[in-house]
Structures are given as structure tokens and as C-alpha cells.
N, C-alpha and C. Protein backbone atom coordinates (compact mmCIF):
# COMPACT_ATOMS: atom_id res chain seq x y z
N MET A 1 -105.48 -54.42 212.82
CA MET A 1 -104.57 -53.06 213.25
C MET A 1 -103.16 -53.91 213.69
N ASN A 2 -101.87 -53.18 213.59
CA ASN A 2 -100.45 -53.72 213.91
C ASN A 2 -100.44 -52.91 215.07
N GLU A 3 -100.22 -53.48 216.60
CA GLU A 3 -99.92 -52.60 217.57
C GLU A 3 -98.72 -52.95 217.68
N ASP A 4 -98.30 -51.51 217.78
CA ASP A 4 -96.65 -51.38 218.37
C ASP A 4 -96.09 -51.72 219.73
N VAL A 5 -95.48 -52.38 220.11
CA VAL A 5 -95.03 -53.38 221.28
C VAL A 5 -94.83 -52.01 221.75
N THR A 6 -94.27 -50.95 221.69
CA THR A 6 -94.03 -49.82 222.66
C THR A 6 -95.38 -49.00 223.11
N ASP A 7 -96.14 -49.42 222.54
CA ASP A 7 -97.60 -48.71 223.07
C ASP A 7 -98.27 -49.17 224.15
N LYS A 8 -97.41 -51.03 224.78
CA LYS A 8 -97.92 -51.30 225.55
C LYS A 8 -97.81 -50.88 227.23
N PRO A 9 -99.41 -51.11 227.97
CA PRO A 9 -98.73 -49.97 229.18
C PRO A 9 -97.87 -50.72 229.93
N ILE A 10 -97.66 -50.16 230.89
CA ILE A 10 -96.08 -50.53 231.90
C ILE A 10 -97.07 -50.48 232.67
N ARG A 11 -96.89 -51.65 233.55
CA ARG A 11 -97.81 -51.85 234.91
C ARG A 11 -96.70 -51.98 236.14
N LEU A 12 -96.58 -51.19 237.21
CA LEU A 12 -95.67 -50.89 238.16
C LEU A 12 -96.75 -51.14 239.18
N THR A 13 -97.56 -51.45 239.32
CA THR A 13 -98.32 -51.41 240.64
C THR A 13 -98.12 -52.93 241.50
N LEU A 14 -97.36 -53.93 240.72
CA LEU A 14 -97.18 -55.04 241.68
C LEU A 14 -95.57 -55.61 241.06
N PRO A 15 -94.95 -54.82 242.13
CA PRO A 15 -93.03 -55.29 241.96
C PRO A 15 -93.19 -56.59 242.12
N HIS A 16 -92.43 -57.21 240.92
CA HIS A 16 -91.93 -58.58 241.18
C HIS A 16 -90.50 -58.85 241.60
N LEU A 17 -90.36 -58.29 242.92
CA LEU A 17 -89.31 -58.50 243.47
C LEU A 17 -89.29 -60.17 244.34
N ASN A 18 -88.33 -60.72 244.27
CA ASN A 18 -87.81 -61.91 244.70
C ASN A 18 -87.37 -62.27 246.46
N THR A 19 -88.01 -62.35 247.09
CA THR A 19 -87.14 -62.24 249.06
C THR A 19 -86.07 -63.35 248.86
N ARG A 20 -85.46 -63.40 249.31
CA ARG A 20 -84.17 -63.91 249.75
C ARG A 20 -84.11 -64.05 250.94
N ILE A 21 -83.66 -65.57 251.74
CA ILE A 21 -83.68 -66.13 252.56
C ILE A 21 -81.74 -66.48 252.72
N TYR A 22 -80.93 -65.51 253.47
CA TYR A 22 -79.29 -66.16 253.55
C TYR A 22 -79.35 -66.97 254.82
N GLY A 23 -78.31 -67.44 254.55
CA GLY A 23 -77.70 -68.30 255.99
C GLY A 23 -76.79 -67.72 256.45
N PRO A 24 -76.37 -68.48 257.87
CA PRO A 24 -75.51 -67.79 258.59
C PRO A 24 -73.81 -67.53 257.56
N ASN A 25 -73.80 -68.20 256.59
CA ASN A 25 -72.75 -68.01 255.56
C ASN A 25 -72.40 -67.04 254.49
N GLY A 26 -73.64 -66.12 254.82
CA GLY A 26 -74.25 -65.09 253.37
C GLY A 26 -74.74 -66.08 252.20
N THR A 27 -74.86 -67.59 252.05
CA THR A 27 -75.27 -67.81 250.57
C THR A 27 -76.54 -68.33 250.64
N PRO A 28 -77.18 -68.06 249.59
CA PRO A 28 -78.67 -68.39 249.29
C PRO A 28 -78.54 -69.88 249.24
N PRO A 29 -79.92 -70.41 249.76
CA PRO A 29 -79.92 -72.03 249.10
C PRO A 29 -79.70 -72.13 248.16
N ALA A 30 -79.64 -73.45 247.06
CA ALA A 30 -79.54 -73.36 246.07
C ALA A 30 -80.67 -73.04 245.16
N SER A 31 -81.79 -73.40 245.84
CA SER A 31 -83.35 -73.51 245.34
C SER A 31 -83.40 -71.94 244.70
N GLN A 32 -82.63 -71.24 245.59
CA GLN A 32 -83.07 -69.47 245.72
C GLN A 32 -82.05 -68.70 244.56
N LYS A 33 -81.22 -69.35 243.80
CA LYS A 33 -80.56 -68.91 243.03
C LYS A 33 -80.34 -68.61 241.94
N THR A 34 -80.47 -67.68 241.26
CA THR A 34 -80.32 -67.96 239.70
C THR A 34 -79.52 -67.74 239.16
N ARG A 35 -79.18 -68.80 238.40
CA ARG A 35 -78.04 -68.83 237.41
C ARG A 35 -77.32 -68.02 236.38
N ALA A 36 -76.26 -67.25 237.26
CA ALA A 36 -75.79 -66.14 236.79
C ALA A 36 -73.83 -66.96 235.49
N LEU A 37 -74.11 -67.69 235.61
CA LEU A 37 -73.01 -68.44 234.96
C LEU A 37 -73.26 -67.91 233.69
N GLY A 38 -71.96 -67.45 233.19
CA GLY A 38 -71.46 -67.04 232.21
C GLY A 38 -71.62 -65.46 232.22
N SER A 39 -71.74 -65.01 233.27
CA SER A 39 -71.76 -63.31 233.77
C SER A 39 -70.75 -62.85 234.76
N ARG A 40 -70.49 -62.20 234.41
CA ARG A 40 -68.55 -61.75 235.39
C ARG A 40 -68.67 -61.15 236.38
N ASN A 41 -70.30 -61.29 236.68
CA ASN A 41 -70.11 -60.78 237.98
C ASN A 41 -71.94 -60.69 238.26
N ALA A 42 -71.94 -61.97 239.02
CA ALA A 42 -73.33 -61.92 239.77
C ALA A 42 -74.10 -61.21 240.61
N PHE A 43 -73.64 -60.35 241.05
CA PHE A 43 -74.53 -59.47 241.87
C PHE A 43 -75.51 -58.26 240.62
N LEU A 44 -74.15 -57.78 239.71
CA LEU A 44 -74.48 -57.17 238.61
C LEU A 44 -75.59 -57.57 237.51
N PHE A 45 -75.39 -58.86 237.41
CA PHE A 45 -76.39 -59.98 236.57
C PHE A 45 -77.54 -59.90 237.57
N ASN A 46 -77.77 -60.03 238.38
CA ASN A 46 -79.22 -60.46 238.87
C ASN A 46 -79.74 -59.01 239.02
N LEU A 47 -78.93 -57.72 239.65
CA LEU A 47 -79.29 -56.85 239.71
C LEU A 47 -80.17 -56.37 237.86
N GLY A 48 -79.68 -56.54 236.99
CA GLY A 48 -79.95 -56.88 235.93
C GLY A 48 -81.57 -57.24 235.05
N VAL A 49 -81.26 -58.55 236.37
CA VAL A 49 -82.89 -59.09 235.94
C VAL A 49 -84.02 -59.02 236.61
N LEU A 50 -83.57 -58.40 238.08
CA LEU A 50 -84.31 -57.61 238.62
C LEU A 50 -85.15 -56.23 237.68
N PHE A 51 -83.96 -55.54 237.05
CA PHE A 51 -84.65 -54.26 235.93
C PHE A 51 -85.36 -55.37 234.99
N LEU A 52 -85.05 -56.09 234.39
CA LEU A 52 -86.11 -56.67 233.38
C LEU A 52 -87.09 -57.19 234.00
N GLU A 53 -87.28 -57.81 235.46
CA GLU A 53 -88.80 -58.09 235.95
C GLU A 53 -89.46 -56.90 236.38
N ILE A 54 -89.14 -56.11 236.49
CA ILE A 54 -89.85 -54.47 236.26
C ILE A 54 -90.42 -54.20 235.19
N ALA A 55 -89.66 -54.20 234.10
CA ALA A 55 -89.45 -53.72 232.92
C ALA A 55 -90.74 -54.39 232.31
N HIS A 56 -90.56 -55.58 232.48
CA HIS A 56 -92.42 -56.72 231.68
C HIS A 56 -92.95 -56.71 232.37
N SER A 57 -93.05 -56.32 234.27
CA SER A 57 -93.77 -56.82 234.85
C SER A 57 -94.24 -57.80 234.85
N SER A 58 -93.54 -58.91 235.38
CA SER A 58 -93.01 -60.11 235.28
C SER A 58 -92.12 -60.94 236.42
N ASP A 59 -92.33 -62.32 236.81
CA ASP A 59 -91.05 -62.47 237.44
C ASP A 59 -89.79 -63.80 236.54
N TRP A 60 -88.68 -63.40 237.27
CA TRP A 60 -88.15 -63.89 236.03
C TRP A 60 -88.25 -65.36 235.57
N GLN A 61 -88.50 -66.25 236.67
CA GLN A 61 -88.84 -67.58 235.63
C GLN A 61 -90.39 -67.55 234.57
N THR A 62 -91.12 -66.59 234.95
CA THR A 62 -92.11 -66.45 233.82
C THR A 62 -91.74 -66.08 232.44
N LEU A 63 -90.32 -65.02 232.42
CA LEU A 63 -89.90 -64.51 231.83
C LEU A 63 -89.01 -65.74 231.09
N ARG A 64 -88.29 -66.31 231.58
CA ARG A 64 -87.45 -67.77 230.83
C ARG A 64 -88.33 -68.13 230.27
N ASP A 65 -89.59 -68.52 230.79
CA ASP A 65 -90.39 -69.68 230.08
C ASP A 65 -90.77 -69.14 229.20
N GLN A 66 -91.13 -67.94 228.69
CA GLN A 66 -91.63 -67.33 227.79
C GLN A 66 -90.94 -66.91 226.54
N HIS A 67 -89.75 -66.47 226.70
CA HIS A 67 -89.25 -66.83 226.27
C HIS A 67 -87.88 -67.48 225.45
N SER A 68 -87.92 -68.60 226.33
CA SER A 68 -86.93 -69.70 225.92
C SER A 68 -87.13 -70.23 224.70
N SER A 69 -85.91 -70.28 224.23
CA SER A 69 -85.99 -71.28 222.33
C SER A 69 -86.30 -71.84 222.25
N HIS A 70 -85.80 -73.00 224.18
CA HIS A 70 -85.84 -74.70 223.99
C HIS A 70 -86.36 -74.53 225.18
N VAL A 71 -87.77 -75.39 224.79
CA VAL A 71 -88.32 -76.07 225.73
C VAL A 71 -87.50 -77.19 226.49
N GLY A 72 -87.39 -77.03 228.34
CA GLY A 72 -86.97 -77.56 229.07
C GLY A 72 -85.53 -77.33 229.38
N ASP A 73 -84.92 -76.50 228.52
CA ASP A 73 -83.44 -76.58 228.52
C ASP A 73 -82.53 -76.39 229.70
N GLN A 74 -81.94 -76.64 230.52
CA GLN A 74 -81.23 -76.83 231.41
C GLN A 74 -79.90 -76.61 231.29
N SER A 75 -79.75 -75.78 230.24
CA SER A 75 -78.27 -75.37 230.34
C SER A 75 -77.46 -74.81 231.23
N ARG A 76 -76.47 -74.70 231.71
CA ARG A 76 -75.87 -74.17 233.17
C ARG A 76 -75.87 -72.74 232.66
N TYR A 77 -76.15 -72.23 231.69
CA TYR A 77 -76.30 -70.80 231.41
C TYR A 77 -77.17 -70.38 230.65
N GLU A 78 -78.34 -71.15 230.95
CA GLU A 78 -79.30 -70.56 230.33
C GLU A 78 -79.97 -69.44 230.86
N ASP A 79 -79.80 -68.86 231.90
CA ASP A 79 -80.57 -67.31 232.45
C ASP A 79 -79.81 -66.32 231.99
N PHE A 80 -78.69 -66.79 231.54
CA PHE A 80 -77.37 -65.57 231.13
C PHE A 80 -78.13 -65.49 229.88
N PHE A 81 -78.01 -66.72 228.92
CA PHE A 81 -78.60 -66.20 227.84
C PHE A 81 -79.87 -65.59 227.65
N GLN A 82 -80.87 -66.11 228.62
CA GLN A 82 -82.15 -65.25 228.23
C GLN A 82 -82.22 -64.08 228.59
N ALA A 83 -81.65 -63.46 229.71
CA ALA A 83 -81.41 -62.63 230.14
C ALA A 83 -80.66 -61.59 228.85
N ARG A 84 -79.79 -61.79 228.50
CA ARG A 84 -79.22 -61.00 227.33
C ARG A 84 -79.97 -60.99 226.39
N LYS A 85 -80.43 -62.31 225.79
CA LYS A 85 -81.84 -62.13 224.73
C LYS A 85 -82.79 -60.79 224.98
N LEU A 86 -83.65 -61.21 226.22
CA LEU A 86 -84.94 -60.16 226.40
C LEU A 86 -84.34 -58.72 226.87
N ALA A 87 -82.89 -58.42 227.33
CA ALA A 87 -82.39 -57.21 226.99
C ALA A 87 -82.33 -56.41 225.72
N LYS A 88 -81.68 -57.21 225.04
CA LYS A 88 -81.38 -56.90 223.49
C LYS A 88 -82.93 -56.43 223.12
N LEU A 89 -84.08 -57.23 223.13
CA LEU A 89 -85.15 -57.21 222.24
C LEU A 89 -85.91 -56.10 222.48
N ARG A 90 -85.74 -55.00 223.71
CA ARG A 90 -86.09 -53.80 224.08
C ARG A 90 -87.55 -54.14 223.83
N SER A 91 -88.44 -54.99 223.94
CA SER A 91 -89.44 -54.89 224.23
C SER A 91 -90.57 -54.84 224.94
N SER A 92 -89.84 -54.02 225.72
CA SER A 92 -91.35 -54.11 227.43
C SER A 92 -92.11 -52.62 227.63
N GLY A 93 -91.20 -51.70 226.20
CA GLY A 93 -92.10 -50.34 226.33
C GLY A 93 -91.55 -49.22 227.60
N MET A 94 -90.25 -49.71 227.67
CA MET A 94 -89.76 -49.12 228.59
C MET A 94 -88.21 -48.53 228.05
N PRO A 95 -88.31 -47.12 227.80
CA PRO A 95 -87.18 -46.66 226.75
C PRO A 95 -85.95 -47.14 226.95
N GLY A 96 -85.16 -47.23 225.20
CA GLY A 96 -84.27 -48.07 225.20
C GLY A 96 -82.58 -47.66 225.80
N GLN A 97 -82.88 -46.36 226.70
CA GLN A 97 -81.96 -46.41 227.46
C GLN A 97 -81.75 -47.16 228.76
N TYR A 98 -82.97 -47.64 229.56
CA TYR A 98 -83.53 -48.52 230.40
C TYR A 98 -82.79 -49.73 230.12
N HIS A 99 -82.97 -50.60 228.70
CA HIS A 99 -82.70 -51.26 227.97
C HIS A 99 -80.88 -51.77 227.83
N GLY A 100 -80.58 -50.29 227.71
CA GLY A 100 -78.86 -50.39 227.31
C GLY A 100 -78.23 -50.58 228.71
N VAL A 101 -79.21 -50.08 229.88
CA VAL A 101 -78.67 -50.35 231.40
C VAL A 101 -78.30 -51.81 231.98
N ILE A 102 -79.86 -52.32 231.64
CA ILE A 102 -79.79 -53.65 231.43
C ILE A 102 -78.85 -54.57 230.87
N GLU A 103 -78.50 -54.28 229.85
CA GLU A 103 -77.76 -54.94 228.91
C GLU A 103 -75.99 -54.39 229.74
N LYS A 104 -75.72 -53.34 230.07
CA LYS A 104 -74.58 -53.51 230.53
C LYS A 104 -74.38 -54.40 232.25
N LEU A 105 -75.32 -54.71 232.47
CA LEU A 105 -75.78 -54.85 233.71
C LEU A 105 -75.49 -56.77 233.78
N ILE A 106 -76.03 -57.20 233.11
CA ILE A 106 -76.42 -58.36 232.21
C ILE A 106 -74.87 -59.04 231.91
N GLU A 107 -74.43 -58.15 231.42
CA GLU A 107 -72.94 -58.30 230.48
C GLU A 107 -71.74 -57.85 231.78
N CYS A 108 -72.04 -57.28 232.47
CA CYS A 108 -71.14 -56.61 233.69
C CYS A 108 -69.90 -55.47 232.74
N ASP A 109 -70.48 -55.15 231.64
CA ASP A 109 -69.56 -54.50 230.56
C ASP A 109 -69.45 -53.16 230.79
N PHE A 110 -68.91 -52.84 231.39
CA PHE A 110 -68.00 -51.68 232.17
C PHE A 110 -66.76 -50.93 231.94
N ALA A 111 -66.27 -51.87 231.56
CA ALA A 111 -64.14 -51.69 231.04
C ALA A 111 -63.69 -51.58 232.42
N GLN A 112 -63.65 -52.23 233.08
CA GLN A 112 -63.35 -51.93 234.75
C GLN A 112 -63.20 -52.94 235.62
N GLY A 113 -63.08 -54.24 234.54
CA GLY A 113 -63.08 -55.30 235.79
C GLY A 113 -64.78 -55.96 235.83
N ASP A 114 -64.63 -57.04 236.81
CA ASP A 114 -65.57 -57.50 237.64
C ASP A 114 -65.88 -57.40 239.42
N ASP A 115 -65.27 -56.06 240.01
CA ASP A 115 -64.80 -56.34 241.15
C ASP A 115 -65.50 -54.97 241.94
N LEU A 116 -66.85 -54.66 242.14
CA LEU A 116 -67.29 -54.07 242.69
C LEU A 116 -66.42 -53.34 243.97
N THR A 117 -65.43 -53.88 244.47
CA THR A 117 -64.80 -53.13 245.49
C THR A 117 -64.04 -51.90 245.47
N LYS A 118 -63.51 -52.09 243.52
CA LYS A 118 -62.67 -51.21 243.12
C LYS A 118 -63.38 -50.10 242.67
N PRO A 119 -62.61 -48.75 242.70
CA PRO A 119 -63.28 -47.50 242.74
C PRO A 119 -63.35 -47.26 241.12
N GLU A 120 -62.67 -47.92 240.22
CA GLU A 120 -62.89 -47.39 238.83
C GLU A 120 -64.04 -48.24 238.57
N LEU A 121 -64.84 -49.55 238.69
CA LEU A 121 -65.64 -49.85 238.80
C LEU A 121 -67.20 -49.54 239.65
N GLN A 122 -66.69 -48.59 240.35
CA GLN A 122 -67.80 -48.15 241.12
C GLN A 122 -68.30 -46.94 240.25
N ALA A 123 -67.18 -46.22 240.04
CA ALA A 123 -67.51 -44.81 239.07
C ALA A 123 -68.13 -45.24 237.63
N ALA A 124 -67.45 -45.84 237.06
CA ALA A 124 -67.86 -46.68 235.75
C ALA A 124 -69.47 -47.28 236.08
N PHE A 125 -70.07 -47.52 237.09
CA PHE A 125 -71.32 -47.89 237.52
C PHE A 125 -72.18 -46.86 237.47
N HIS A 126 -71.93 -45.55 238.55
CA HIS A 126 -72.44 -45.01 238.37
C HIS A 126 -72.40 -44.10 236.76
N HIS A 127 -71.43 -43.81 236.32
CA HIS A 127 -71.84 -43.46 235.18
C HIS A 127 -72.55 -43.92 233.86
N SER A 128 -72.55 -44.99 233.94
CA SER A 128 -73.00 -46.17 233.10
C SER A 128 -74.87 -46.58 233.48
N VAL A 129 -74.80 -46.55 234.74
CA VAL A 129 -76.35 -47.42 234.89
C VAL A 129 -76.89 -46.15 235.86
N VAL A 130 -76.40 -45.43 236.91
CA VAL A 130 -77.01 -44.48 238.03
C VAL A 130 -77.59 -43.43 237.13
N LYS A 131 -76.56 -42.92 236.30
CA LYS A 131 -76.74 -41.41 235.75
C LYS A 131 -77.78 -42.06 234.85
N PRO A 132 -77.72 -42.97 233.70
CA PRO A 132 -78.93 -43.24 232.73
C PRO A 132 -80.12 -43.32 233.30
N LEU A 133 -79.95 -43.87 234.51
CA LEU A 133 -81.62 -44.36 235.44
C LEU A 133 -82.20 -42.44 235.80
N GLU A 134 -81.33 -41.82 236.39
CA GLU A 134 -81.89 -40.99 236.62
C GLU A 134 -82.39 -39.60 235.50
N GLU A 135 -81.71 -40.29 234.66
CA GLU A 135 -82.51 -39.16 233.01
C GLU A 135 -83.30 -40.52 232.76
N VAL A 136 -83.78 -41.20 232.88
CA VAL A 136 -85.00 -42.10 232.51
C VAL A 136 -86.20 -41.91 233.71
N GLU A 137 -85.75 -41.52 234.94
CA GLU A 137 -86.91 -40.87 235.60
C GLU A 137 -87.41 -39.37 235.74
N THR A 138 -86.21 -38.59 234.99
CA THR A 138 -86.72 -37.22 235.07
C THR A 138 -87.58 -37.53 233.66
N ARG A 139 -87.10 -38.20 232.58
CA ARG A 139 -87.83 -38.19 231.36
C ARG A 139 -89.38 -38.86 231.84
N LEU A 140 -89.44 -39.88 232.23
CA LEU A 140 -90.86 -40.77 232.67
C LEU A 140 -91.62 -39.17 233.76
N LYS A 141 -90.63 -38.42 234.27
CA LYS A 141 -91.64 -37.34 235.35
C LYS A 141 -92.10 -36.16 234.49
N GLU A 142 -91.56 -36.11 233.58
CA GLU A 142 -91.83 -34.83 232.49
C GLU A 142 -93.20 -35.87 231.58
N LEU A 143 -93.66 -36.98 231.55
CA LEU A 143 -94.89 -37.13 230.89
C LEU A 143 -95.94 -37.08 231.54
N ASN A 144 -95.76 -36.84 233.07
CA ASN A 144 -97.25 -36.37 234.08
C ASN A 144 -97.78 -38.01 233.76
N LEU A 145 -97.73 -39.05 234.08
CA LEU A 145 -98.21 -40.30 233.99
C LEU A 145 -99.11 -40.28 235.33
N ASP A 146 -98.93 -39.74 236.78
CA ASP A 146 -99.36 -40.01 237.20
C ASP A 146 -100.86 -39.03 237.69
N GLU A 147 -101.04 -38.36 236.44
CA GLU A 147 -101.87 -37.58 236.62
C GLU A 147 -103.07 -38.17 236.45
């Protein structure tokens, strides 16, 4: 029997959010940083990683380990490449639109630069992230999965 990946149940009972402790200067210790090298905006990249964790019901380190093509690869850009790869795989069972949002976040691909203080990027973020996620939420509610 060939089981389609999209038939995999989505487990949302255990969120995989990581708590970060910040020092007085607002910088997390090096051990708590996701290496966002390669991304245009670390905040948006980390938000994309968070959405990957939710989609795959797994923490980032486990996802990296499961999908790493190079055992023990410590490339400075490994987190970025792995996040991009996972977003493009669309293998989590979540709608494709959700993964499209993740791709935009990982790449910071909004055609408005990478400075979130700029109104143009904020508007593009709302149009390309918030609206599609609201549509996904509406479609998932229509499925009545909680009954």
C-alpha cells in the first residue's frame, strides 16, 4: 500500500516552541541562536523555522538531523539551506499555501528589502504572510477537525 504523505495526521497537541533567554543587551547566548546566515532577515527566518516546527510537529534540531544530506555538516549556512529545503518539500501534510508562506519567510522574499521598520515591508508581510495564513485557518476550520 502506497501511503500518500499528505494523509499523514497533523499533531498539534505538543507545540515545539523554544524559549529564549535574552541578556540585558537583547542578544541571546550563542547556544540559543538559530544560524540564519544566508537569510536576509534573521527574525523572518526564525519565524519561518517556527512554522516548519509546527508543520512537522518536531523541533528544529530534529528536523535538521532527519533531513540533513551531510552527516555532521557544520556549514555556517546549514540552517538556512535545510530550512529552504524543508519548505520546498511541502511534505508536512499542511496546505501548500502554508509552505509558500514559510518559503517567503525563510528567503525574506517580499520584494521590499529586509527592514521590518519600513511600511512597505510591513504591508508586503501582511499581504504575503498574514492573509494567506488567515485563509488556511478558515479552510481548516471548514473541515471541522475538532468534532
